[in-house]
Amino acid sequence: MTDKWKYRSVSLRNSTYSKINKLQNILVPGLNLSCANVVDKLVEDKHSNFVRDTNNGVTNEKTKEYQKA
């Protein structure tokens, strides 16, 4: 039985779900990911980039201001 404390669900637009399906085969070459794995991979990649950027300071592209987190 699934551990209800380990997983959560989200609602997605049909167009977003279709994009996830397209990414299943191309996100990791040679490996067919599940929809959940695609979302996990994208979030982890984005989060690690965010953490790296906040440790080095972030540039706001709209105002070109330098901000230190």
C-alpha atoms as a PDB file:
ATOM      1  CA  MET A   1       0.000   0.000   0.000  1.00  0.00           C
ATOM      2  CA  THR A   2       1.209   3.502  -0.804  1.00  0.00           C
ATOM      3  CA  ASP A   3       2.553   5.540   2.088  1.00  0.00           C
ATOM      4  CA  LYS A   4       0.178   8.526   2.247  1.00  0.00           C
ATOM      5  CA  TRP A   5       2.825  10.642   3.993  1.00  0.00           C
ATOM      6  CA  LYS A   6       5.402  10.136   1.233  1.00  0.00           C
ATOM      7  CA  TYR A   7       3.374  11.225  -1.803  1.00  0.00           C
ATOM      8  CA  ARG A   8       1.122  14.138  -2.772  1.00  0.00           C
ATOM      9  CA  SER A   9      -0.952  14.818  -5.854  1.00  0.00           C
ATOM     10  CA  VAL A  10      -1.228  17.893  -8.034  1.00  0.00           C
ATOM     11  CA  SER A  11      -3.720  18.986 -10.657  1.00  0.00           C
ATOM     12  CA  LEU A  12      -2.390  19.899 -14.077  1.00  0.00           C
ATOM     13  CA  ARG A  13      -3.906  21.432 -17.153  1.00  0.00           C
ATOM     14  CA  ASN A  14      -4.410  18.940 -19.981  1.00  0.00           C
ATOM     15  CA  SER A  15      -1.904  20.869 -22.107  1.00  0.00           C
ATOM     16  CA  THR A  16       0.720  20.607 -19.351  1.00  0.00           C
ATOM     17  CA  TYR A  17       0.086  16.886 -18.983  1.00  0.00           C
ATOM     18  CA  SER A  18       0.534  16.461 -22.752  1.00  0.00           C
ATOM     19  CA  LYS A  19       3.877  18.263 -22.560  1.00  0.00           C
ATOM     20  CA  ILE A  20       4.975  15.948 -19.747  1.00  0.00           C
ATOM     21  CA  ASN A  21       4.068  12.942 -21.907  1.00  0.00           C
ATOM     22  CA  LYS A  22       6.222  14.327 -24.734  1.00  0.00           C
ATOM     23  CA  LEU A  23       9.142  14.775 -22.350  1.00  0.00           C
ATOM     24  CA  GLN A  24       9.000  11.174 -21.081  1.00  0.00           C
ATOM     25  CA  ASN A  25      11.249   9.835 -23.843  1.00  0.00           C
ATOM     26  CA  ILE A  26      13.524  12.817 -24.432  1.00  0.00           C
ATOM     27  CA  LEU A  27      14.364  14.182 -20.971  1.00  0.00           C
ATOM     28  CA  VAL A  28      16.819  11.379 -20.190  1.00  0.00           C
ATOM     29  CA  PRO A  29      18.100   9.864 -23.451  1.00  0.00           C
ATOM     30  CA  GLY A  30      17.682   6.092 -23.587  1.00  0.00           C
ATOM     31  CA  LEU A  31      15.296   5.985 -20.632  1.00  0.00           C
ATOM     32  CA  ASN A  32      11.500   6.137 -20.638  1.00  0.00           C
ATOM     33  CA  LEU A  33      10.391   8.036 -17.519  1.00  0.00           C
ATOM     34  CA  SER A  34       6.980   8.017 -15.881  1.00  0.00           C
ATOM     35  CA  CYS A  35       5.050  11.279 -15.669  1.00  0.00           C
ATOM     36  CA  ALA A  36       5.908  11.493 -11.975  1.00  0.00           C
ATOM     37  CA  ASN A  37       9.613  10.996 -12.737  1.00  0.00           C
ATOM     38  CA  VAL A  38       9.495  13.756 -15.374  1.00  0.00           C
ATOM     39  CA  VAL A  39       8.010  16.184 -12.853  1.00  0.00           C
ATOM     40  CA  ASP A  40      10.534  15.097 -10.186  1.00  0.00           C
ATOM     41  CA  LYS A  41      13.468  15.584 -12.565  1.00  0.00           C
ATOM     42  CA  LEU A  42      12.317  19.016 -13.741  1.00  0.00           C
ATOM     43  CA  VAL A  43      11.667  20.258 -10.204  1.00  0.00           C
ATOM     44  CA  GLU A  44      14.978  18.913  -8.873  1.00  0.00           C
ATOM     45  CA  ASP A  45      16.910  20.484 -11.772  1.00  0.00           C
ATOM     46  CA  LYS A  46      15.190  23.836 -11.341  1.00  0.00           C
ATOM     47  CA  HIS A  47      15.605  23.739  -7.558  1.00  0.00           C
ATOM     48  CA  SER A  48      19.328  22.932  -7.734  1.00  0.00           C
ATOM     49  CA  ASN A  49      19.822  25.817 -10.205  1.00  0.00           C
ATOM     50  CA  PHE A  50      17.897  28.113  -7.876  1.00  0.00           C
ATOM     51  CA  VAL A  51      19.940  27.087  -4.836  1.00  0.00           C
ATOM     52  CA  ARG A  52      23.180  27.547  -6.783  1.00  0.00           C
ATOM     53  CA  ASP A  53      22.079  30.986  -7.993  1.00  0.00           C
ATOM     54  CA  THR A  54      20.918  32.159  -4.565  1.00  0.00           C
ATOM     55  CA  ASN A  55      24.243  31.148  -3.045  1.00  0.00           C
ATOM     56  CA  ASN A  56      26.049  33.290  -5.634  1.00  0.00           C
ATOM     57  CA  GLY A  57      23.519  36.130  -5.749  1.00  0.00           C
ATOM     58  CA  VAL A  58      20.642  36.521  -8.206  1.00  0.00           C
ATOM     59  CA  THR A  59      20.237  39.070 -10.960  1.00  0.00           C
ATOM     60  CA  ASN A  60      16.697  40.293 -11.543  1.00  0.00           C
ATOM     61  CA  GLU A  61      16.463  40.347 -15.351  1.00  0.00           C
ATOM     62  CA  LYS A  62      13.656  42.922 -15.472  1.00  0.00           C
ATOM     63  CA  THR A  63      15.401  45.590 -13.413  1.00  0.00           C
ATOM     64  CA  LYS A  64      18.995  44.355 -13.757  1.00  0.00           C
ATOM     65  CA  GLU A  65      19.412  44.761 -10.017  1.00  0.00           C
ATOM     66  CA  TYR A  66      21.794  42.542  -8.128  1.00  0.00           C
ATOM     67  CA  GLN A  67      20.296  40.905  -5.062  1.00  0.00           C
ATOM     68  CA  LYS A  68      22.055  38.810  -2.460  1.00  0.00           C
ATOM     69  CA  ALA A  69      19.849  36.105  -0.934  1.00  0.00           C
END
